[in-house]
PDB file of all heavy atoms in Angstrom:
ATOM      1  N   ALA A   1      23.907 -29.776 -27.605  1.00  0.00           N
ATOM      2  CA  ALA A   1      25.186 -30.424 -27.878  1.00  0.00           C
ATOM      3  C   ALA A   1      25.591 -31.190 -26.630  1.00  0.00           C
ATOM      4  O   ALA A   1      25.714 -30.630 -25.553  1.00  0.00           O
ATOM      5  CB  ALA A   1      26.238 -29.367 -28.216  1.00  0.00           C
ATOM      6  N   GLY A   2      25.776 -32.490 -26.750  1.00  0.00           N
ATOM      7  CA  GLY A   2      26.126 -33.294 -25.589  1.00  0.00           C
ATOM      8  C   GLY A   2      24.903 -33.614 -24.747  1.00  0.00           C
ATOM      9  O   GLY A   2      23.768 -33.354 -25.130  1.00  0.00           O
ATOM     10  N   SER A   3      25.116 -34.191 -23.583  1.00  0.00           N
ATOM     11  CA  SER A   3      24.026 -34.545 -22.681  1.00  0.00           C
ATOM     12  C   SER A   3      23.966 -33.559 -21.528  1.00  0.00           C
ATOM     13  O   SER A   3      24.896 -32.791 -21.316  1.00  0.00           O
ATOM     14  CB  SER A   3      24.233 -35.962 -22.139  1.00  0.00           C
ATOM     15  OG  SER A   3      25.444 -36.038 -21.406  1.00  0.00           O
ATOM     16  N   GLN A   4      22.855 -33.579 -20.805  1.00  0.00           N
ATOM     17  CA  GLN A   4      22.693 -32.682 -19.671  1.00  0.00           C
ATOM     18  C   GLN A   4      23.457 -33.250 -18.482  1.00  0.00           C
ATOM     19  O   GLN A   4      23.106 -34.297 -17.952  1.00  0.00           O
ATOM     20  CB  GLN A   4      21.207 -32.531 -19.329  1.00  0.00           C
ATOM     21  CG  GLN A   4      20.916 -31.494 -18.262  1.00  0.00           C
ATOM     22  CD  GLN A   4      21.059 -30.076 -18.773  1.00  0.00           C
ATOM     23  OE1 GLN A   4      21.305 -29.856 -19.949  1.00  0.00           O
ATOM     24  NE2 GLN A   4      20.920 -29.113 -17.887  1.00  0.00           N
ATOM     25  N   ARG A   5      24.503 -32.598 -18.053  1.00  0.00           N
ATOM     26  CA  ARG A   5      25.366 -33.112 -16.996  1.00  0.00           C
ATOM     27  C   ARG A   5      24.847 -32.708 -15.611  1.00  0.00           C
ATOM     28  O   ARG A   5      24.509 -31.562 -15.371  1.00  0.00           O
ATOM     29  CB  ARG A   5      26.790 -32.584 -17.214  1.00  0.00           C
ATOM     30  CG  ARG A   5      27.824 -32.983 -16.189  1.00  0.00           C
ATOM     31  CD  ARG A   5      28.240 -34.421 -16.323  1.00  0.00           C
ATOM     32  NE  ARG A   5      28.777 -34.742 -17.645  1.00  0.00           N
ATOM     33  CZ  ARG A   5      29.282 -35.927 -17.957  1.00  0.00           C
ATOM     34  NH1 ARG A   5      29.309 -36.893 -17.057  1.00  0.00           N
ATOM     35  NH2 ARG A   5      29.734 -36.157 -19.174  1.00  0.00           N
ATOM     36  N   ASP A   6      24.786 -33.661 -14.702  1.00  0.00           N
ATOM     37  CA  ASP A   6      24.481 -33.448 -13.292  1.00  0.00           C
ATOM     38  C   ASP A   6      23.142 -32.732 -13.073  1.00  0.00           C
ATOM     39  O   ASP A   6      23.083 -31.642 -12.510  1.00  0.00           O
ATOM     40  CB  ASP A   6      25.609 -32.652 -12.622  1.00  0.00           C
ATOM     41  CG  ASP A   6      25.488 -32.675 -11.102  1.00  0.00           C
ATOM     42  OD1 ASP A   6      24.936 -33.651 -10.567  1.00  0.00           O
ATOM     43  OD2 ASP A   6      25.913 -31.702 -10.464  1.00  0.00           O
ATOM     44  N   ARG A   7      22.074 -33.377 -13.474  1.00  0.00           N
ATOM     45  CA  ARG A   7      20.735 -32.827 -13.264  1.00  0.00           C
ATOM     46  C   ARG A   7      20.355 -32.845 -11.787  1.00  0.00           C
ATOM     47  O   ARG A   7      19.473 -32.094 -11.355  1.00  0.00           O
ATOM     48  CB  ARG A   7      19.718 -33.621 -14.093  1.00  0.00           C
ATOM     49  CG  ARG A   7      19.940 -33.486 -15.594  1.00  0.00           C
ATOM     50  CD  ARG A   7      18.995 -34.352 -16.413  1.00  0.00           C
ATOM     51  NE  ARG A   7      17.641 -33.788 -16.426  1.00  0.00           N
ATOM     52  CZ  ARG A   7      16.598 -34.329 -15.827  1.00  0.00           C
ATOM     53  NH1 ARG A   7      16.745 -35.450 -15.121  1.00  0.00           N
ATOM     54  NH2 ARG A   7      15.410 -33.782 -15.908  1.00  0.00           N
ATOM     55  N   ASP A   8      21.022 -33.685 -11.000  1.00  0.00           N
ATOM     56  CA  ASP A   8      20.755 -33.714  -9.561  1.00  0.00           C
ATOM     57  C   ASP A   8      21.026 -32.346  -8.927  1.00  0.00           C
ATOM     58  O   ASP A   8      20.253 -31.876  -8.093  1.00  0.00           O
ATOM     59  CB  ASP A   8      21.625 -34.768  -8.873  1.00  0.00           C
ATOM     60  CG  ASP A   8      21.213 -36.184  -9.237  1.00  0.00           C
ATOM     61  OD1 ASP A   8      20.316 -36.327 -10.087  1.00  0.00           O
ATOM     62  OD2 ASP A   8      21.781 -37.135  -8.682  1.00  0.00           O
ATOM     63  N   SER A   9      22.143 -31.729  -9.313  1.00  0.00           N
ATOM     64  CA  SER A   9      22.481 -30.412  -8.774  1.00  0.00           C
ATOM     65  C   SER A   9      21.594 -29.319  -9.365  1.00  0.00           C
ATOM     66  O   SER A   9      21.254 -28.347  -8.685  1.00  0.00           O
ATOM     67  CB  SER A   9      23.953 -30.084  -9.052  1.00  0.00           C
ATOM     68  OG  SER A   9      24.804 -30.975  -8.373  1.00  0.00           O
ATOM     69  N   GLU A  10      21.201 -29.498 -10.623  1.00  0.00           N
ATOM     70  CA  GLU A  10      20.418 -28.439 -11.275  1.00  0.00           C
ATOM     71  C   GLU A  10      19.003 -28.324 -10.714  1.00  0.00           C
ATOM     72  O   GLU A  10      18.335 -27.305 -10.927  1.00  0.00           O
ATOM     73  CB  GLU A  10      20.367 -28.662 -12.782  1.00  0.00           C
ATOM     74  CG  GLU A  10      19.922 -27.414 -13.533  1.00  0.00           C
ATOM     75  CD  GLU A  10      20.105 -27.524 -15.032  1.00  0.00           C
ATOM     76  OE1 GLU A  10      19.845 -28.617 -15.585  1.00  0.00           O
ATOM     77  OE2 GLU A  10      20.503 -26.527 -15.656  1.00  0.00           O
ATOM     78  N   ILE A  11      18.551 -29.330  -9.980  1.00  0.00           N
ATOM     79  CA  ILE A  11      17.227 -29.218  -9.358  1.00  0.00           C
ATOM     80  C   ILE A  11      17.215 -28.104  -8.320  1.00  0.00           C
ATOM     81  O   ILE A  11      16.147 -27.563  -7.984  1.00  0.00           O
ATOM     82  CB  ILE A  11      16.801 -30.563  -8.706  1.00  0.00           C
ATOM     83  CG1 ILE A  11      15.293 -30.557  -8.393  1.00  0.00           C
ATOM     84  CG2 ILE A  11      17.602 -30.827  -7.461  1.00  0.00           C
ATOM     85  CD1 ILE A  11      14.394 -30.418  -9.587  1.00  0.00           C
ATOM     86  N   LEU A  12      18.390 -27.727  -7.816  1.00  0.00           N
ATOM     87  CA  LEU A  12      18.467 -26.662  -6.812  1.00  0.00           C
ATOM     88  C   LEU A  12      18.061 -25.300  -7.389  1.00  0.00           C
ATOM     89  O   LEU A  12      17.172 -24.642  -6.840  1.00  0.00           O
ATOM     90  CB  LEU A  12      19.866 -26.608  -6.199  1.00  0.00           C
ATOM     91  CG  LEU A  12      20.267 -27.840  -5.378  1.00  0.00           C
ATOM     92  CD1 LEU A  12      21.763 -27.825  -5.068  1.00  0.00           C
ATOM     93  CD2 LEU A  12      19.465 -27.890  -4.082  1.00  0.00           C
ATOM     94  N   PRO A  13      18.688 -24.826  -8.482  1.00  0.00           N
ATOM     95  CA  PRO A  13      18.205 -23.559  -9.063  1.00  0.00           C
ATOM     96  C   PRO A  13      16.789 -23.662  -9.608  1.00  0.00           C
ATOM     97  O   PRO A  13      16.034 -22.678  -9.554  1.00  0.00           O
ATOM     98  CB  PRO A  13      19.220 -23.265 -10.173  1.00  0.00           C
ATOM     99  CG  PRO A  13      19.921 -24.546 -10.441  1.00  0.00           C
ATOM    100  CD  PRO A  13      19.918 -25.296  -9.153  1.00  0.00           C
ATOM    101  N   ILE A  14      16.403 -24.825 -10.125  1.00  0.00           N
ATOM    102  CA  ILE A  14      15.026 -25.003 -10.587  1.00  0.00           C
ATOM    103  C   ILE A  14      14.071 -24.918  -9.396  1.00  0.00           C
ATOM    104  O   ILE A  14      12.982 -24.336  -9.486  1.00  0.00           O
ATOM    105  CB  ILE A  14      14.877 -26.339 -11.339  1.00  0.00           C
ATOM    106  CG1 ILE A  14      15.620 -26.265 -12.674  1.00  0.00           C
ATOM    107  CG2 ILE A  14      13.402 -26.680 -11.574  1.00  0.00           C
ATOM    108  CD1 ILE A  14      15.687 -27.569 -13.422  1.00  0.00           C
ATOM    109  N   GLY A  15      14.496 -25.471  -8.260  1.00  0.00           N
ATOM    110  CA  GLY A  15      13.709 -25.348  -7.041  1.00  0.00           C
ATOM    111  C   GLY A  15      13.546 -23.901  -6.615  1.00  0.00           C
ATOM    112  O   GLY A  15      12.472 -23.492  -6.140  1.00  0.00           O
ATOM    113  N   SER A  16      14.593 -23.097  -6.794  1.00  0.00           N
ATOM    114  CA  SER A  16      14.513 -21.672  -6.466  1.00  0.00           C
ATOM    115  C   SER A  16      13.472 -20.972  -7.329  1.00  0.00           C
ATOM    116  O   SER A  16      12.693 -20.136  -6.847  1.00  0.00           O
ATOM    117  CB  SER A  16      15.881 -21.012  -6.658  1.00  0.00           C
ATOM    118  OG  SER A  16      16.851 -21.611  -5.834  1.00  0.00           O
ATOM    119  N   VAL A  17      13.460 -21.307  -8.617  1.00  0.00           N
ATOM    120  CA  VAL A  17      12.488 -20.719  -9.541  1.00  0.00           C
ATOM    121  C   VAL A  17      11.069 -21.136  -9.145  1.00  0.00           C
ATOM    122  O   VAL A  17      10.147 -20.306  -9.096  1.00  0.00           O
ATOM    123  CB  VAL A  17      12.792 -21.144 -10.996  1.00  0.00           C
ATOM    124  CG1 VAL A  17      11.682 -20.693 -11.934  1.00  0.00           C
ATOM    125  CG2 VAL A  17      14.136 -20.563 -11.443  1.00  0.00           C
ATOM    126  N   MET A  18      10.901 -22.415  -8.852  1.00  0.00           N
ATOM    127  CA  MET A  18       9.579 -22.923  -8.472  1.00  0.00           C
ATOM    128  C   MET A  18       9.093 -22.285  -7.175  1.00  0.00           C
ATOM    129  O   MET A  18       7.916 -21.906  -7.056  1.00  0.00           O
ATOM    130  CB  MET A  18       9.644 -24.446  -8.316  1.00  0.00           C
ATOM    131  CG  MET A  18       8.283 -25.094  -8.134  1.00  0.00           C
ATOM    132  SD  MET A  18       7.237 -24.836  -9.595  1.00  0.00           S
ATOM    133  CE  MET A  18       5.809 -25.802  -9.126  1.00  0.00           C
ATOM    134  N   ALA A  19       9.995 -22.148  -6.202  1.00  0.00           N
ATOM    135  CA  ALA A  19       9.626 -21.523  -4.936  1.00  0.00           C
ATOM    136  C   ALA A  19       9.234 -20.065  -5.136  1.00  0.00           C
ATOM    137  O   ALA A  19       8.290 -19.564  -4.493  1.00  0.00           O
ATOM    138  CB  ALA A  19      10.788 -21.626  -3.947  1.00  0.00           C
ATOM    139  N   ALA A  20       9.921 -19.388  -6.052  1.00  0.00           N
ATOM    140  CA  ALA A  20       9.583 -17.994  -6.350  1.00  0.00           C
ATOM    141  C   ALA A  20       8.205 -17.895  -6.988  1.00  0.00           C
ATOM    142  O   ALA A  20       7.428 -16.977  -6.689  1.00  0.00           O
ATOM    143  CB  ALA A  20      10.645 -17.390  -7.264  1.00  0.00           C
ATOM    144  N   LEU A  21       7.879 -18.831  -7.868  1.00  0.00           N
ATOM    145  CA  LEU A  21       6.553 -18.842  -8.508  1.00  0.00           C
ATOM    146  C   LEU A  21       5.445 -19.053  -7.477  1.00  0.00           C
ATOM    147  O   LEU A  21       4.339 -18.522  -7.624  1.00  0.00           O
ATOM    148  CB  LEU A  21       6.499 -19.947  -9.566  1.00  0.00           C
ATOM    149  CG  LEU A  21       7.331 -19.739 -10.834  1.00  0.00           C
ATOM    150  CD1 LEU A  21       7.339 -21.008 -11.673  1.00  0.00           C
ATOM    151  CD2 LEU A  21       6.803 -18.564 -11.651  1.00  0.00           C
ATOM    152  N   GLN A  22       5.753 -19.821  -6.427  1.00  0.00           N
ATOM    153  CA  GLN A  22       4.749 -20.104  -5.396  1.00  0.00           C
ATOM    154  C   GLN A  22       4.836 -19.158  -4.201  1.00  0.00           C
ATOM    155  O   GLN A  22       4.110 -19.318  -3.226  1.00  0.00           O
ATOM    156  CB  GLN A  22       4.905 -21.553  -4.917  1.00  0.00           C
ATOM    157  CG  GLN A  22       4.610 -22.595  -5.991  1.00  0.00           C
ATOM    158  CD  GLN A  22       4.575 -24.015  -5.445  1.00  0.00           C
ATOM    159  OE1 GLN A  22       4.957 -24.273  -4.310  1.00  0.00           O
ATOM    160  NE2 GLN A  22       4.093 -24.934  -6.258  1.00  0.00           N
ATOM    161  N   GLY A  23       5.721 -18.159  -4.299  1.00  0.00           N
ATOM    162  CA  GLY A  23       5.841 -17.174  -3.227  1.00  0.00           C
ATOM    163  C   GLY A  23       6.398 -17.742  -1.937  1.00  0.00           C
ATOM    164  O   GLY A  23       6.015 -17.312  -0.839  1.00  0.00           O
ATOM    165  N   LYS A  24       7.337 -18.691  -2.046  1.00  0.00           N
ATOM    166  CA  LYS A  24       7.881 -19.350  -0.858  1.00  0.00           C
ATOM    167  C   LYS A  24       9.375 -19.077  -0.668  1.00  0.00           C
ATOM    168  O   LYS A  24      10.133 -19.941  -0.224  1.00  0.00           O
ATOM    169  CB  LYS A  24       7.647 -20.858  -0.949  1.00  0.00           C
ATOM    170  CG  LYS A  24       6.173 -21.257  -0.976  1.00  0.00           C
ATOM    171  CD  LYS A  24       6.023 -22.767  -1.083  1.00  0.00           C
ATOM    172  CE  LYS A  24       4.553 -23.174  -1.102  1.00  0.00           C
ATOM    173  NZ  LYS A  24       4.379 -24.650  -1.229  1.00  0.00           N
ATOM    174  N   THR A  25       9.800 -17.874  -0.996  1.00  0.00           N
ATOM    175  CA  THR A  25      11.232 -17.552  -0.876  1.00  0.00           C
ATOM    176  C   THR A  25      11.519 -16.502   0.185  1.00  0.00           C
ATOM    177  O   THR A  25      12.646 -16.024   0.293  1.00  0.00           O
ATOM    178  CB  THR A  25      11.782 -17.054  -2.233  1.00  0.00           C
ATOM    179  OG1 THR A  25      11.037 -15.897  -2.643  1.00  0.00           O
ATOM    180  CG2 THR A  25      11.675 -18.128  -3.300  1.00  0.00           C
ATOM    181  N   ASP A  26      10.529 -16.137   0.964  1.00  0.00           N
ATOM    182  CA  ASP A  26      10.726 -15.061   1.946  1.00  0.00           C
ATOM    183  C   ASP A  26      11.523 -15.515   3.160  1.00  0.00           C
ATOM    184  O   ASP A  26      12.138 -14.698   3.846  1.00  0.00           O
ATOM    185  CB  ASP A  26       9.364 -14.510   2.402  1.00  0.00           C
ATOM    186  CG  ASP A  26       8.615 -13.813   1.274  1.00  0.00           C
ATOM    187  OD1 ASP A  26       9.301 -13.305   0.356  1.00  0.00           O
ATOM    188  OD2 ASP A  26       7.372 -13.786   1.301  1.00  0.00           O
ATOM    189  N   ASN A  27      11.525 -16.806   3.449  1.00  0.00           N
ATOM    190  CA  ASN A  27      12.207 -17.313   4.642  1.00  0.00           C
ATOM    191  C   ASN A  27      13.386 -18.217   4.294  1.00  0.00           C
ATOM    192  O   ASN A  27      13.605 -19.246   4.926  1.00  0.00           O
ATOM    193  CB  ASN A  27      11.204 -18.084   5.522  1.00  0.00           C
ATOM    194  CG  ASN A  27      10.069 -17.199   6.009  1.00  0.00           C
ATOM    195  OD1 ASN A  27      10.299 -16.076   6.459  1.00  0.00           O
ATOM    196  ND2 ASN A  27       8.841 -17.705   5.908  1.00  0.00           N
ATOM    197  N   ASN A  28      14.141 -17.816   3.264  1.00  0.00           N
ATOM    198  CA  ASN A  28      15.270 -18.665   2.851  1.00  0.00           C
ATOM    199  C   ASN A  28      16.574 -18.332   3.576  1.00  0.00           C
ATOM    200  O   ASN A  28      17.640 -18.820   3.211  1.00  0.00           O
ATOM    201  CB  ASN A  28      15.477 -18.594   1.334  1.00  0.00           C
ATOM    202  CG  ASN A  28      15.699 -17.172   0.841  1.00  0.00           C
ATOM    203  OD1 ASN A  28      15.702 -16.223   1.629  1.00  0.00           O
ATOM    204  ND2 ASN A  28      15.886 -17.019  -0.452  1.00  0.00           N
ATOM    205  N   GLN A  29      16.508 -17.461   4.590  1.00  0.00           N
ATOM    206  CA  GLN A  29      17.637 -17.186   5.495  1.00  0.00           C
ATOM    207  C   GLN A  29      18.888 -16.665   4.782  1.00  0.00           C
ATOM    208  O   GLN A  29      20.011 -16.881   5.231  1.00  0.00           O
ATOM    209  CB  GLN A  29      17.984 -18.443   6.294  1.00  0.00           C
ATOM    210  CG  GLN A  29      16.825 -19.001   7.103  1.00  0.00           C
ATOM    211  CD  GLN A  29      17.143 -20.345   7.731  1.00  0.00           C
ATOM    212  OE1 GLN A  29      18.302 -20.658   8.016  1.00  0.00           O
ATOM    213  NE2 GLN A  29      16.129 -21.158   7.943  1.00  0.00           N
ATOM    214  N   GLY A  30      18.711 -16.004   3.652  1.00  0.00           N
ATOM    215  CA  GLY A  30      19.854 -15.450   2.926  1.00  0.00           C
ATOM    216  C   GLY A  30      20.452 -16.378   1.894  1.00  0.00           C
ATOM    217  O   GLY A  30      21.392 -15.994   1.185  1.00  0.00           O
ATOM    218  N   PHE A  31      19.946 -17.598   1.789  1.00  0.00           N
ATOM    219  CA  PHE A  31      20.456 -18.557   0.806  1.00  0.00           C
ATOM    220  C   PHE A  31      19.594 -18.510  -0.454  1.00  0.00           C
ATOM    221  O   PHE A  31      18.389 -18.282  -0.385  1.00  0.00           O
ATOM    222  CB  PHE A  31      20.455 -19.970   1.387  1.00  0.00           C
ATOM    223  CG  PHE A  31      21.399 -20.137   2.541  1.00  0.00           C
ATOM    224  CD1 PHE A  31      20.943 -19.970   3.851  1.00  0.00           C
ATOM    225  CD2 PHE A  31      22.738 -20.431   2.333  1.00  0.00           C
ATOM    226  CE1 PHE A  31      21.809 -20.115   4.922  1.00  0.00           C
ATOM    227  CE2 PHE A  31      23.608 -20.577   3.401  1.00  0.00           C
ATOM    228  CZ  PHE A  31      23.153 -20.412   4.698  1.00  0.00           C
ATOM    229  N   GLY A  32      20.230 -18.771  -1.606  1.00  0.00           N
ATOM    230  CA  GLY A  32      19.514 -18.628  -2.867  1.00  0.00           C
ATOM    231  C   GLY A  32      19.024 -19.916  -3.494  1.00  0.00           C
ATOM    232  O   GLY A  32      18.179 -19.887  -4.384  1.00  0.00           O
ATOM    233  N   LEU A  33      19.569 -21.061  -3.064  1.00  0.00           N
ATOM    234  CA  LEU A  33      19.212 -22.335  -3.680  1.00  0.00           C
ATOM    235  C   LEU A  33      18.279 -23.138  -2.773  1.00  0.00           C
ATOM    236  O   LEU A  33      18.523 -23.255  -1.564  1.00  0.00           O
ATOM    237  CB  LEU A  33      20.468 -23.146  -3.981  1.00  0.00           C
ATOM    238  CG  LEU A  33      21.397 -22.551  -5.045  1.00  0.00           C
ATOM    239  CD1 LEU A  33      22.683 -23.357  -5.148  1.00  0.00           C
ATOM    240  CD2 LEU A  33      20.715 -22.470  -6.403  1.00  0.00           C
ATOM    241  N   LEU A  34      17.236 -23.682  -3.397  1.00  0.00           N
ATOM    242  CA  LEU A  34      16.229 -24.439  -2.653  1.00  0.00           C
ATOM    243  C   LEU A  34      15.967 -25.767  -3.356  1.00  0.00           C
ATOM    244  O   LEU A  34      15.523 -25.788  -4.502  1.00  0.00           O
ATOM    245  CB  LEU A  34      14.921 -23.635  -2.556  1.00  0.00           C
ATOM    246  CG  LEU A  34      15.021 -22.272  -1.851  1.00  0.00           C
ATOM    247  CD1 LEU A  34      13.792 -21.440  -2.145  1.00  0.00           C
ATOM    248  CD2 LEU A  34      15.185 -22.471  -0.354  1.00  0.00           C
ATOM    249  N   GLY A  35      16.250 -26.856  -2.669  1.00  0.00           N
ATOM    250  CA  GLY A  35      15.985 -28.163  -3.245  1.00  0.00           C
ATOM    251  C   GLY A  35      14.522 -28.536  -3.106  1.00  0.00           C
ATOM    252  O   GLY A  35      13.839 -28.083  -2.183  1.00  0.00           O
ATOM    253  N   ILE A  36      14.023 -29.328  -4.039  1.00  0.00           N
ATOM    254  CA  ILE A  36      12.660 -29.854  -3.956  1.00  0.00           C
ATOM    255  C   ILE A  36      12.772 -31.269  -3.392  1.00  0.00           C
ATOM    256  O   ILE A  36      13.317 -32.164  -4.034  1.00  0.00           O
ATOM    257  CB  ILE A  36      11.968 -29.865  -5.330  1.00  0.00           C
ATOM    258  CG1 ILE A  36      11.984 -28.460  -5.944  1.00  0.00           C
ATOM    259  CG2 ILE A  36      10.537 -30.369  -5.198  1.00  0.00           C
ATOM    260  CD1 ILE A  36      11.386 -28.399  -7.338  1.00  0.00           C
ATOM    261  N   GLN A  37      12.255 -31.472  -2.201  1.00  0.00           N
ATOM    262  CA  GLN A  37      12.450 -32.745  -1.504  1.00  0.00           C
ATOM    263  C   GLN A  37      11.705 -33.906  -2.150  1.00  0.00           C
ATOM    264  O   GLN A  37      12.258 -34.968  -2.382  1.00  0.00           O
ATOM    265  CB  GLN A  37      12.024 -32.596  -0.036  1.00  0.00           C
ATOM    266  CG  GLN A  37      12.980 -31.748   0.796  1.00  0.00           C
ATOM    267  CD  GLN A  37      12.558 -31.694   2.247  1.00  0.00           C
ATOM    268  OE1 GLN A  37      11.450 -31.292   2.577  1.00  0.00           O
ATOM    269  NE2 GLN A  37      13.448 -32.109   3.128  1.00  0.00           N
ATOM    270  N   ASN A  38      10.422 -33.704  -2.396  1.00  0.00           N
ATOM    271  CA  ASN A  38       9.589 -34.814  -2.865  1.00  0.00           C
ATOM    272  C   ASN A  38       9.533 -34.869  -4.391  1.00  0.00           C
ATOM    273  O   ASN A  38       8.499 -34.654  -5.016  1.00  0.00           O
ATOM    274  CB  ASN A  38       8.175 -34.712  -2.278  1.00  0.00           C
ATOM    275  CG  ASN A  38       7.585 -33.309  -2.442  1.00  0.00           C
ATOM    276  OD1 ASN A  38       8.320 -32.339  -2.566  1.00  0.00           O
ATOM    277  ND2 ASN A  38       6.268 -33.222  -2.435  1.00  0.00           N
ATOM    278  N   ILE A  39      10.706 -35.151  -4.993  1.00  0.00           N
ATOM    279  CA  ILE A  39      10.777 -35.249  -6.448  1.00  0.00           C
ATOM    280  C   ILE A  39      11.804 -36.314  -6.816  1.00  0.00           C
ATOM    281  O   ILE A  39      12.806 -36.505  -6.103  1.00  0.00           O
ATOM    282  CB  ILE A  39      11.156 -33.881  -7.079  1.00  0.00           C
ATOM    283  CG1 ILE A  39      10.907 -33.893  -8.586  1.00  0.00           C
ATOM    284  CG2 ILE A  39      12.607 -33.529  -6.788  1.00  0.00           C
ATOM    285  CD1 ILE A  39      11.024 -32.520  -9.217  1.00  0.00           C
ATOM    286  N   ASN A  40      11.560 -37.035  -7.897  1.00  0.00           N
ATOM    287  CA  ASN A  40      12.477 -38.076  -8.351  1.00  0.00           C
ATOM    288  C   ASN A  40      13.598 -37.435  -9.171  1.00  0.00           C
ATOM    289  O   ASN A  40      13.388 -37.002 -10.313  1.00  0.00           O
ATOM    290  CB  ASN A  40      11.718 -39.106  -9.190  1.00  0.00           C
ATOM    291  CG  ASN A  40      12.558 -40.339  -9.490  1.00  0.00           C
ATOM    292  OD1 ASN A  40      13.788 -40.267  -9.561  1.00  0.00           O
ATOM    293  ND2 ASN A  40      11.901 -41.468  -9.665  1.00  0.00           N
ATOM    294  N   LEU A  41      14.801 -37.375  -8.601  1.00  0.00           N
ATOM    295  CA  LEU A  41      15.912 -36.689  -9.253  1.00  0.00           C
ATOM    296  C   LEU A  41      16.362 -37.375 -10.541  1.00  0.00           C
ATOM    297  O   LEU A  41      16.935 -36.731 -11.423  1.00  0.00           O
ATOM    298  CB  LEU A  41      17.098 -36.579  -8.290  1.00  0.00           C
ATOM    299  CG  LEU A  41      16.885 -35.700  -7.054  1.00  0.00           C
ATOM    300  CD1 LEU A  41      18.111 -35.753  -6.167  1.00  0.00           C
ATOM    301  CD2 LEU A  41      16.590 -34.259  -7.460  1.00  0.00           C
ATOM    302  N   SER A  42      16.132 -38.656 -10.663  1.00  0.00           N
ATOM    303  CA  SER A  42      16.612 -39.399 -11.830  1.00  0.00           C
ATOM    304  C   SER A  42      15.695 -39.269 -13.043  1.00  0.00           C
ATOM    305  O   SER A  42      16.111 -39.552 -14.165  1.00  0.00           O
ATOM    306  CB  SER A  42      16.793 -40.877 -11.482  1.00  0.00           C
ATOM    307  OG  SER A  42      15.554 -41.459 -11.118  1.00  0.00           O
ATOM    308  N   SER A  43      14.451 -38.826 -12.819  1.00  0.00           N
ATOM    309  CA  SER A  43      13.505 -38.835 -13.942  1.00  0.00           C
ATOM    310  C   SER A  43      12.652 -37.569 -14.065  1.00  0.00           C
ATOM    311  O   SER A  43      11.738 -37.532 -14.872  1.00  0.00           O
ATOM    312  CB  SER A  43      12.566 -40.043 -13.816  1.00  0.00           C
ATOM    313  OG  SER A  43      11.812 -39.969 -12.614  1.00  0.00           O
ATOM    314  N   TYR A  44      12.952 -36.543 -13.286  1.00  0.00           N
ATOM    315  CA  TYR A  44      12.093 -35.357 -13.337  1.00  0.00           C
ATOM    316  C   TYR A  44      12.230 -34.620 -14.673  1.00  0.00           C
ATOM    317  O   TYR A  44      13.280 -34.644 -15.308  1.00  0.00           O
ATOM    318  CB  TYR A  44      12.400 -34.411 -12.177  1.00  0.00           C
ATOM    319  CG  TYR A  44      13.678 -33.595 -12.323  1.00  0.00           C
ATOM    320  CD1 TYR A  44      13.662 -32.350 -12.947  1.00  0.00           C
ATOM    321  CD2 TYR A  44      14.891 -34.069 -11.832  1.00  0.00           C
ATOM    322  CE1 TYR A  44      14.821 -31.603 -13.080  1.00  0.00           C
ATOM    323  CE2 TYR A  44      16.062 -33.324 -11.950  1.00  0.00           C
ATOM    324  CZ  TYR A  44      16.013 -32.095 -12.582  1.00  0.00           C
ATOM    325  OH  TYR A  44      17.154 -31.352 -12.716  1.00  0.00           O
TER     326      TYR A  44
END
């Protein structure tokens, strides 16, 4: 229902999931959200 609002911000929790799948969340310094740098935010 409706459109997906603000996908730019949603890449952060998706990045957290992806980092967890790749085992790269051990050094996140207590923060839970991880952005994916090398990705096109407008078309991913």
